[in-house]
Amino acid sequence: MILEGRVALITGSTSGGVGRSTAFILAKNGCDIVLNYGTNRRDAAADKNAKSVEKAIQDMKRRVLLVKADTTKAEDVSAMVKKAVDHFGNIDILVNNAGGQWNPRDITEIPPEQFRKVIEAEINGVFYCIRECLPYMRKHKWGRIITIGVYGAGHWAAENFGPVEYAIGKGGRALLTRHLALKERKYNITVNLINPGPGHTAHIDMEKALSFADHSDEWTSRTQATPQDIAEAVLFLCTEKARFITGSHITFSVE
C-alpha cells in the first residue's frame, strides 16, 4: 500500500462530501485515519454518521480515531492533535476540509455574526490545524498539507458568484497555501490547494461513497466530478510521485 504507516487527520470527515471520501481512499491505501466532526453537530444523526464512517474504516482493517472538535477553537484543535499523536505517534498528512456555510446574500444584509463564523471556519480553523500539526511534520522531515478551496479562490470576479465572506475565506486559504509552500519545502513538506468547481457533486450517500472508493462502474462512467474525484487528487498529492508539487492550486470541473 502506497501510504502504509502514514497517519492522516481530515477535518470535517464524517458527512457525505469530500472529507469522508478522502478518509476512505487514504485508508484503502494504507493510512491510519483521524476523523473529525464539529461540536456544533449536536444531533443524534451526526453522531450516528460519524460512527458509521469510523466502522467503515475499521472494516478496511485500518486504525481509526474519531474526534469531535470545533476547528474554529484553538483549544479544541490543540486537544485533538494531542489526542491523535498520543494515539498514533505522529501526524503525517493534514487535510483541511471543514469550512464555512454557503449562505449568499447582499453584503449589506450579512449579519456580523455570520461573517465572523464563516471567516473563522475558513481561515482560523485552517491556521489552528496547521499550527498544531506542523511541528510533527518538521520533526520527521515529511508532511503533506492539503486544503480544500473552491473554484476561483482568491480571484472571484463574477457577479453573484458566491457569498462575499465565503469568497474572502477561500481566498485566504489560497494565499496561505502559497506562503506555506515556500516556507516548508526545506522540511520535505508540500502544501497544496484543491478547488472543486461549480460542476462538482458535493454530497453522495455512504453506499455510493464506498463503491466509488472501489472504483465501481458507476464511478468510472461518471459525467461530472464527485467527492471521489477530489479524494483521488488528495491521494495523489500524498504520494511520493507528487513530492515536488507544492504551492499548487488544482481546479476541478469548471462550467
C-alpha atoms as a PDB file:
ATOM      1  CA  MET A   1       0.000   0.000   0.000  1.00  0.00           C
ATOM      2  CA  ILE A   2       1.453   3.338  -1.053  1.00  0.00           C
ATOM      3  CA  LEU A   3       0.700   5.137   2.226  1.00  0.00           C
ATOM      4  CA  GLU A   4       1.348   2.285   4.636  1.00  0.00           C
ATOM      5  CA  GLY A   5       2.391   3.629   8.047  1.00  0.00           C
ATOM      6  CA  ARG A   6       1.186   7.181   7.426  1.00  0.00           C
ATOM      7  CA  VAL A   7      -1.352   8.946   9.641  1.00  0.00           C
ATOM      8  CA  ALA A   8      -3.854  11.400   8.173  1.00  0.00           C
ATOM      9  CA  LEU A   9      -6.010  13.944  10.007  1.00  0.00           C
ATOM     10  CA  ILE A  10      -9.008  15.009   7.924  1.00  0.00           C
ATOM     11  CA  THR A  11     -11.240  17.753   9.288  1.00  0.00           C
ATOM     12  CA  GLY A  12     -14.951  17.630   8.547  1.00  0.00           C
ATOM     13  CA  SER A  13     -14.684  13.993   7.504  1.00  0.00           C
ATOM     14  CA  THR A  14     -17.908  12.301   8.606  1.00  0.00           C
ATOM     15  CA  SER A  15     -20.610  13.896   6.436  1.00  0.00           C
ATOM     16  CA  GLY A  16     -21.380  12.994   2.836  1.00  0.00           C
ATOM     17  CA  GLY A  17     -18.775  15.021   0.987  1.00  0.00           C
ATOM     18  CA  VAL A  18     -15.088  15.324   0.184  1.00  0.00           C
ATOM     19  CA  GLY A  19     -13.858  14.659   3.722  1.00  0.00           C
ATOM     20  CA  ARG A  20     -15.474  11.250   4.012  1.00  0.00           C
ATOM     21  CA  SER A  21     -14.408  10.146   0.525  1.00  0.00           C
ATOM     22  CA  THR A  22     -10.865  11.278   1.318  1.00  0.00           C
ATOM     23  CA  ALA A  23     -10.850   9.265   4.539  1.00  0.00           C
ATOM     24  CA  PHE A  24     -11.955   6.164   2.633  1.00  0.00           C
ATOM     25  CA  ILE A  25      -9.420   6.403  -0.195  1.00  0.00           C
ATOM     26  CA  LEU A  26      -6.499   7.176   2.135  1.00  0.00           C
ATOM     27  CA  ALA A  27      -7.472   4.266   4.387  1.00  0.00           C
ATOM     28  CA  LYS A  28      -7.682   1.938   1.388  1.00  0.00           C
ATOM     29  CA  ASN A  29      -4.136   2.961   0.512  1.00  0.00           C
ATOM     30  CA  GLY A  30      -2.654   2.221   3.911  1.00  0.00           C
ATOM     31  CA  CYS A  31      -3.263   5.318   6.042  1.00  0.00           C
ATOM     32  CA  ASP A  32      -4.441   5.282   9.607  1.00  0.00           C
ATOM     33  CA  ILE A  33      -7.127   7.923   9.955  1.00  0.00           C
ATOM     34  CA  VAL A  34      -8.108  10.647  12.407  1.00  0.00           C
ATOM     35  CA  LEU A  35     -11.739  11.524  11.693  1.00  0.00           C
ATOM     36  CA  ASN A  36     -13.144  14.855  12.841  1.00  0.00           C
ATOM     37  CA  TYR A  37     -16.548  16.438  13.059  1.00  0.00           C
ATOM     38  CA  GLY A  38     -17.644  19.636  14.758  1.00  0.00           C
ATOM     39  CA  THR A  39     -19.055  20.156  18.219  1.00  0.00           C
ATOM     40  CA  ASN A  40     -21.820  22.219  16.618  1.00  0.00           C
ATOM     41  CA  ARG A  41     -23.187  18.940  15.212  1.00  0.00           C
ATOM     42  CA  ARG A  42     -25.254  18.098  18.277  1.00  0.00           C
ATOM     43  CA  ASP A  43     -27.951  15.968  16.678  1.00  0.00           C
ATOM     44  CA  ALA A  44     -28.023  12.198  17.055  1.00  0.00           C
ATOM     45  CA  ALA A  45     -27.839  11.765  13.277  1.00  0.00           C
ATOM     46  CA  ALA A  46     -24.430  13.470  13.155  1.00  0.00           C
ATOM     47  CA  ASP A  47     -23.075  11.147  15.845  1.00  0.00           C
ATOM     48  CA  LYS A  48     -24.537   8.136  14.033  1.00  0.00           C
ATOM     49  CA  ASN A  49     -22.975   9.216  10.737  1.00  0.00           C
ATOM     50  CA  ALA A  50     -19.605   9.661  12.417  1.00  0.00           C
ATOM     51  CA  LYS A  51     -19.767   6.195  13.960  1.00  0.00           C
ATOM     52  CA  SER A  52     -20.728   4.652  10.619  1.00  0.00           C
ATOM     53  CA  VAL A  53     -17.684   6.209   8.927  1.00  0.00           C
ATOM     54  CA  GLU A  54     -15.475   5.010  11.773  1.00  0.00           C
ATOM     55  CA  LYS A  55     -16.884   1.478  11.377  1.00  0.00           C
ATOM     56  CA  ALA A  56     -16.336   1.515   7.609  1.00  0.00           C
ATOM     57  CA  ILE A  57     -12.654   2.339   8.084  1.00  0.00           C
ATOM     58  CA  GLN A  58     -12.292  -0.326  10.764  1.00  0.00           C
ATOM     59  CA  ASP A  59     -13.728  -2.791   8.250  1.00  0.00           C
ATOM     60  CA  MET A  60     -10.864  -1.809   5.926  1.00  0.00           C
ATOM     61  CA  LYS A  61      -8.508  -3.092   8.654  1.00  0.00           C
ATOM     62  CA  ARG A  62      -7.088   0.360   9.341  1.00  0.00           C
ATOM     63  CA  ARG A  63      -6.677   2.051  12.686  1.00  0.00           C
ATOM     64  CA  VAL A  64      -9.033   4.978  13.162  1.00  0.00           C
ATOM     65  CA  LEU A  65      -9.599   7.638  15.820  1.00  0.00           C
ATOM     66  CA  LEU A  66     -12.845   9.632  15.906  1.00  0.00           C
ATOM     67  CA  VAL A  67     -12.573  13.091  17.484  1.00  0.00           C
ATOM     68  CA  LYS A  68     -15.403  15.581  17.929  1.00  0.00           C
ATOM     69  CA  ALA A  69     -13.780  19.023  17.941  1.00  0.00           C
ATOM     70  CA  ASP A  70     -14.565  22.550  16.773  1.00  0.00           C
ATOM     71  CA  THR A  71     -11.762  23.578  14.421  1.00  0.00           C
ATOM     72  CA  THR A  72     -12.583  27.270  14.971  1.00  0.00           C
ATOM     73  CA  LYS A  73     -11.441  26.927  18.596  1.00  0.00           C
ATOM     74  CA  ALA A  74      -7.692  26.809  19.147  1.00  0.00           C
ATOM     75  CA  GLU A  75      -8.041  24.796  22.350  1.00  0.00           C
ATOM     76  CA  ASP A  76     -10.179  22.150  20.620  1.00  0.00           C
ATOM     77  CA  VAL A  77      -7.659  21.747  17.808  1.00  0.00           C
ATOM     78  CA  SER A  78      -4.746  21.533  20.236  1.00  0.00           C
ATOM     79  CA  ALA A  79      -6.522  18.820  22.215  1.00  0.00           C
ATOM     80  CA  MET A  80      -7.489  16.938  19.038  1.00  0.00           C
ATOM     81  CA  VAL A  81      -3.938  16.878  17.685  1.00  0.00           C
ATOM     82  CA  LYS A  82      -2.513  15.855  21.061  1.00  0.00           C
ATOM     83  CA  LYS A  83      -5.028  13.017  21.263  1.00  0.00           C
ATOM     84  CA  ALA A  84      -4.118  11.911  17.734  1.00  0.00           C
ATOM     85  CA  VAL A  85      -0.373  11.968  18.386  1.00  0.00           C
ATOM     86  CA  ASP A  86      -0.796  10.166  21.710  1.00  0.00           C
ATOM     87  CA  HIS A  87      -2.806   7.506  19.872  1.00  0.00           C
ATOM     88  CA  PHE A  88      -0.785   7.117  16.653  1.00  0.00           C
ATOM     89  CA  GLY A  89       2.591   8.706  17.425  1.00  0.00           C
ATOM     90  CA  ASN A  90       2.540  11.253  14.612  1.00  0.00           C
ATOM     91  CA  ILE A  91       0.505  13.158  12.024  1.00  0.00           C
ATOM     92  CA  ASP A  92       1.935  12.921   8.511  1.00  0.00           C
ATOM     93  CA  ILE A  93      -0.956  14.263   6.458  1.00  0.00           C
ATOM     94  CA  LEU A  94      -3.363  17.107   7.205  1.00  0.00           C
ATOM     95  CA  VAL A  95      -6.427  17.631   5.018  1.00  0.00           C
ATOM     96  CA  ASN A  96      -8.187  20.900   5.835  1.00  0.00           C
ATOM     97  CA  ASN A  97     -11.691  20.134   4.625  1.00  0.00           C
ATOM     98  CA  ALA A  98     -14.013  21.675   7.240  1.00  0.00           C
ATOM     99  CA  GLY A  99     -15.259  25.108   6.224  1.00  0.00           C
ATOM    100  CA  GLY A 100     -17.926  27.756   6.487  1.00  0.00           C
ATOM    101  CA  GLN A 101     -21.536  27.716   5.343  1.00  0.00           C
ATOM    102  CA  TRP A 102     -22.619  28.857   1.882  1.00  0.00           C
ATOM    103  CA  ASN A 103     -25.337  31.443   2.503  1.00  0.00           C
ATOM    104  CA  PRO A 104     -25.491  34.015  -0.331  1.00  0.00           C
ATOM    105  CA  ARG A 105     -26.890  37.444   0.437  1.00  0.00           C
ATOM    106  CA  ASP A 106     -26.067  41.058  -0.308  1.00  0.00           C
ATOM    107  CA  ILE A 107     -23.134  42.388   1.721  1.00  0.00           C
ATOM    108  CA  THR A 108     -25.421  44.974   3.353  1.00  0.00           C
ATOM    109  CA  GLU A 109     -27.605  42.141   4.664  1.00  0.00           C
ATOM    110  CA  ILE A 110     -24.917  39.881   6.116  1.00  0.00           C
ATOM    111  CA  PRO A 111     -25.174  39.715   9.915  1.00  0.00           C
ATOM    112  CA  PRO A 112     -21.769  40.408  11.510  1.00  0.00           C
ATOM    113  CA  GLU A 113     -22.028  37.123  13.404  1.00  0.00           C
ATOM    114  CA  GLN A 114     -22.440  35.170  10.157  1.00  0.00           C
ATOM    115  CA  PHE A 115     -19.440  36.930   8.605  1.00  0.00           C
ATOM    116  CA  ARG A 116     -17.309  36.171  11.657  1.00  0.00           C
ATOM    117  CA  LYS A 117     -18.302  32.493  11.775  1.00  0.00           C
ATOM    118  CA  VAL A 118     -17.510  31.885   8.116  1.00  0.00           C
ATOM    119  CA  ILE A 119     -14.123  33.627   8.306  1.00  0.00           C
ATOM    120  CA  GLU A 120     -13.256  31.687  11.458  1.00  0.00           C
ATOM    121  CA  ALA A 121     -14.198  28.393   9.805  1.00  0.00           C
ATOM    122  CA  GLU A 122     -12.391  29.131   6.553  1.00  0.00           C
ATOM    123  CA  ILE A 123      -9.207  30.766   7.859  1.00  0.00           C
ATOM    124  CA  ASN A 124      -8.828  30.431  11.622  1.00  0.00           C
ATOM    125  CA  GLY A 125      -9.599  26.716  11.583  1.00  0.00           C
ATOM    126  CA  VAL A 126      -7.005  26.026   8.899  1.00  0.00           C
ATOM    127  CA  PHE A 127      -4.420  28.119  10.757  1.00  0.00           C
ATOM    128  CA  TYR A 128      -5.041  26.306  14.050  1.00  0.00           C
ATOM    129  CA  CYS A 129      -4.729  22.863  12.438  1.00  0.00           C
ATOM    130  CA  ILE A 130      -1.544  23.739  10.568  1.00  0.00           C
ATOM    131  CA  ARG A 131      -0.054  25.386  13.655  1.00  0.00           C
ATOM    132  CA  GLU A 132      -0.553  22.219  15.714  1.00  0.00           C
ATOM    133  CA  CYS A 133       0.423  19.626  13.078  1.00  0.00           C
ATOM    134  CA  LEU A 134       3.423  21.328  11.506  1.00  0.00           C
ATOM    135  CA  PRO A 135       5.918  20.708  14.352  1.00  0.00           C
ATOM    136  CA  TYR A 136       5.463  16.934  13.961  1.00  0.00           C
ATOM    137  CA  MET A 137       5.926  17.107  10.200  1.00  0.00           C
ATOM    138  CA  ARG A 138       9.045  19.239  10.585  1.00  0.00           C
ATOM    139  CA  LYS A 139      10.445  16.853  13.175  1.00  0.00           C
ATOM    140  CA  HIS A 140      10.072  13.872  10.825  1.00  0.00           C
ATOM    141  CA  LYS A 141      11.106  15.835   7.709  1.00  0.00           C
ATOM    142  CA  TRP A 142       7.988  14.740   5.838  1.00  0.00           C
ATOM    143  CA  GLY A 143       4.474  16.085   5.529  1.00  0.00           C
ATOM    144  CA  ARG A 144       1.529  16.775   3.298  1.00  0.00           C
ATOM    145  CA  ILE A 145      -0.858  19.679   3.887  1.00  0.00           C
ATOM    146  CA  ILE A 146      -3.825  19.761   1.536  1.00  0.00           C
ATOM    147  CA  THR A 147      -6.569  22.344   1.876  1.00  0.00           C
ATOM    148  CA  ILE A 148      -9.933  22.269   0.132  1.00  0.00           C
ATOM    149  CA  GLY A 149     -10.791  25.561  -1.529  1.00  0.00           C
ATOM    150  CA  VAL A 150     -13.264  26.351  -4.294  1.00  0.00           C
ATOM    151  CA  TYR A 151     -13.102  27.309  -7.959  1.00  0.00           C
ATOM    152  CA  GLY A 152     -11.943  30.918  -8.247  1.00  0.00           C
ATOM    153  CA  ALA A 153     -10.436  31.072  -4.754  1.00  0.00           C
ATOM    154  CA  GLY A 154      -8.501  34.313  -4.441  1.00  0.00           C
ATOM    155  CA  HIS A 155      -9.755  35.934  -7.637  1.00  0.00           C
ATOM    156  CA  TRP A 156     -13.537  35.709  -7.837  1.00  0.00           C
ATOM    157  CA  ALA A 157     -14.947  38.435 -10.024  1.00  0.00           C
ATOM    158  CA  ALA A 158     -18.181  37.046 -11.476  1.00  0.00           C
ATOM    159  CA  GLU A 159     -21.344  38.823 -10.392  1.00  0.00           C
ATOM    160  CA  ASN A 160     -23.443  36.839  -7.893  1.00  0.00           C
ATOM    161  CA  PHE A 161     -20.858  34.052  -7.705  1.00  0.00           C
ATOM    162  CA  GLY A 162     -20.569  33.130  -4.062  1.00  0.00           C
ATOM    163  CA  PRO A 163     -21.151  34.885  -0.740  1.00  0.00           C
ATOM    164  CA  VAL A 164     -18.574  37.591  -0.046  1.00  0.00           C
ATOM    165  CA  GLU A 165     -17.454  36.142   3.291  1.00  0.00           C
ATOM    166  CA  TYR A 166     -17.061  32.696   1.713  1.00  0.00           C
ATOM    167  CA  ALA A 167     -15.001  34.164  -1.139  1.00  0.00           C
ATOM    168  CA  ILE A 168     -12.764  36.014   1.321  1.00  0.00           C
ATOM    169  CA  GLY A 169     -12.297  32.858   3.366  1.00  0.00           C
ATOM    170  CA  LYS A 170     -11.359  30.695   0.397  1.00  0.00           C
ATOM    171  CA  GLY A 171      -9.072  33.450  -0.871  1.00  0.00           C
ATOM    172  CA  GLY A 172      -7.310  33.374   2.480  1.00  0.00           C
ATOM    173  CA  ARG A 173      -6.781  29.640   2.097  1.00  0.00           C
ATOM    174  CA  ALA A 174      -5.237  30.212  -1.322  1.00  0.00           C
ATOM    175  CA  LEU A 175      -2.781  32.804  -0.005  1.00  0.00           C
ATOM    176  CA  LEU A 176      -1.870  30.673   2.999  1.00  0.00           C
ATOM    177  CA  THR A 177      -1.129  27.725   0.714  1.00  0.00           C
ATOM    178  CA  ARG A 178       1.326  29.694  -1.407  1.00  0.00           C
ATOM    179  CA  HIS A 179       3.010  31.254   1.621  1.00  0.00           C
ATOM    180  CA  LEU A 180       3.490  27.958   3.453  1.00  0.00           C
ATOM    181  CA  ALA A 181       4.687  26.094   0.370  1.00  0.00           C
ATOM    182  CA  LEU A 182       7.714  28.374   0.133  1.00  0.00           C
ATOM    183  CA  LYS A 183       8.466  28.177   3.849  1.00  0.00           C
ATOM    184  CA  GLU A 184       8.100  24.425   4.337  1.00  0.00           C
ATOM    185  CA  ARG A 185       9.729  22.859   1.276  1.00  0.00           C
ATOM    186  CA  LYS A 186      13.068  22.631   3.114  1.00  0.00           C
ATOM    187  CA  TYR A 187      11.380  20.182   5.507  1.00  0.00           C
ATOM    188  CA  ASN A 188      10.082  17.959   2.667  1.00  0.00           C
ATOM    189  CA  ILE A 189       6.569  19.224   3.395  1.00  0.00           C
ATOM    190  CA  THR A 190       4.307  20.013   0.461  1.00  0.00           C
ATOM    191  CA  VAL A 191       1.349  22.385   0.718  1.00  0.00           C
ATOM    192  CA  ASN A 192      -1.378  22.437  -1.922  1.00  0.00           C
ATOM    193  CA  LEU A 193      -4.935  23.637  -2.533  1.00  0.00           C
ATOM    194  CA  ILE A 194      -7.675  21.686  -4.327  1.00  0.00           C
ATOM    195  CA  ASN A 195     -10.569  23.698  -5.749  1.00  0.00           C
ATOM    196  CA  PRO A 196     -13.830  21.876  -6.539  1.00  0.00           C
ATOM    197  CA  GLY A 197     -15.689  23.628  -9.345  1.00  0.00           C
ATOM    198  CA  PRO A 198     -19.346  24.552  -9.826  1.00  0.00           C
ATOM    199  CA  GLY A 199     -19.979  21.292 -11.716  1.00  0.00           C
ATOM    200  CA  HIS A 200     -18.920  19.202  -8.722  1.00  0.00           C
ATOM    201  CA  THR A 201     -21.480  16.989  -6.930  1.00  0.00           C
ATOM    202  CA  ALA A 202     -20.988  17.993  -3.307  1.00  0.00           C
ATOM    203  CA  HIS A 203     -22.548  15.049  -1.434  1.00  0.00           C
ATOM    204  CA  ILE A 204     -23.164  11.345  -2.011  1.00  0.00           C
ATOM    205  CA  ASP A 205     -24.551   8.638   0.270  1.00  0.00           C
ATOM    206  CA  MET A 206     -22.411   6.187   2.219  1.00  0.00           C
ATOM    207  CA  GLU A 207     -23.019   3.182  -0.031  1.00  0.00           C
ATOM    208  CA  LYS A 208     -22.069   5.159  -3.112  1.00  0.00           C
ATOM    209  CA  ALA A 209     -19.003   6.651  -1.400  1.00  0.00           C
ATOM    210  CA  LEU A 210     -17.703   3.178  -0.574  1.00  0.00           C
ATOM    211  CA  SER A 211     -18.372   1.845  -4.070  1.00  0.00           C
ATOM    212  CA  PHE A 212     -16.710   4.878  -5.646  1.00  0.00           C
ATOM    213  CA  ALA A 213     -13.663   4.318  -3.430  1.00  0.00           C
ATOM    214  CA  ASP A 214     -13.504   0.841  -5.009  1.00  0.00           C
ATOM    215  CA  HIS A 215     -13.708   2.469  -8.466  1.00  0.00           C
ATOM    216  CA  SER A 216     -17.090   0.977  -9.328  1.00  0.00           C
ATOM    217  CA  ASP A 217     -18.506   1.052 -12.860  1.00  0.00           C
ATOM    218  CA  GLU A 218     -20.763   3.933 -11.837  1.00  0.00           C
ATOM    219  CA  TRP A 219     -17.739   5.990 -10.833  1.00  0.00           C
ATOM    220  CA  THR A 220     -15.650   5.151 -13.889  1.00  0.00           C
ATOM    221  CA  SER A 221     -18.554   6.160 -16.168  1.00  0.00           C
ATOM    222  CA  ARG A 222     -19.311   9.416 -14.321  1.00  0.00           C
ATOM    223  CA  THR A 223     -20.065  12.581 -16.293  1.00  0.00           C
ATOM    224  CA  GLN A 224     -19.222  15.152 -13.606  1.00  0.00           C
ATOM    225  CA  ALA A 225     -16.812  15.463 -10.707  1.00  0.00           C
ATOM    226  CA  THR A 226     -17.752  13.770  -7.441  1.00  0.00           C
ATOM    227  CA  PRO A 227     -16.258  13.818  -3.937  1.00  0.00           C
ATOM    228  CA  GLN A 228     -14.284  10.750  -5.024  1.00  0.00           C
ATOM    229  CA  ASP A 229     -12.551  12.757  -7.764  1.00  0.00           C
ATOM    230  CA  ILE A 230     -11.397  15.304  -5.206  1.00  0.00           C
ATOM    231  CA  ALA A 231     -10.286  12.486  -2.900  1.00  0.00           C
ATOM    232  CA  GLU A 232      -8.234  10.921  -5.712  1.00  0.00           C
ATOM    233  CA  ALA A 233      -6.388  14.211  -6.141  1.00  0.00           C
ATOM    234  CA  VAL A 234      -5.700  14.296  -2.398  1.00  0.00           C
ATOM    235  CA  LEU A 235      -4.358  10.750  -2.579  1.00  0.00           C
ATOM    236  CA  PHE A 236      -2.002  11.618  -5.430  1.00  0.00           C
ATOM    237  CA  LEU A 237      -0.650  14.666  -3.600  1.00  0.00           C
ATOM    238  CA  CYS A 238       0.105  12.448  -0.594  1.00  0.00           C
ATOM    239  CA  THR A 239       2.297  10.068  -2.585  1.00  0.00           C
ATOM    240  CA  GLU A 240       5.977  10.264  -3.432  1.00  0.00           C
ATOM    241  CA  LYS A 241       5.000  10.812  -7.068  1.00  0.00           C
ATOM    242  CA  ALA A 242       3.895  14.301  -6.018  1.00  0.00           C
ATOM    243  CA  ARG A 243       6.876  15.131  -3.819  1.00  0.00           C
ATOM    244  CA  PHE A 244       7.831  18.147  -5.955  1.00  0.00           C
ATOM    245  CA  ILE A 245       4.306  19.505  -6.359  1.00  0.00           C
ATOM    246  CA  THR A 246       3.837  22.292  -3.833  1.00  0.00           C
ATOM    247  CA  GLY A 247       2.129  25.667  -3.785  1.00  0.00           C
ATOM    248  CA  SER A 248      -0.246  24.431  -6.487  1.00  0.00           C
ATOM    249  CA  HIS A 249      -3.944  25.223  -6.912  1.00  0.00           C
ATOM    250  CA  ILE A 250      -5.680  22.267  -8.588  1.00  0.00           C
ATOM    251  CA  THR A 251      -9.101  23.133 -10.015  1.00  0.00           C
ATOM    252  CA  PHE A 252     -11.927  20.742 -10.957  1.00  0.00           C
ATOM    253  CA  SER A 253     -14.821  20.876 -13.430  1.00  0.00           C
ATOM    254  CA  VAL A 254     -15.272  24.493 -14.424  1.00  0.00           C
ATOM    255  CA  GLU A 255     -18.622  25.062 -16.145  1.00  0.00           C
END
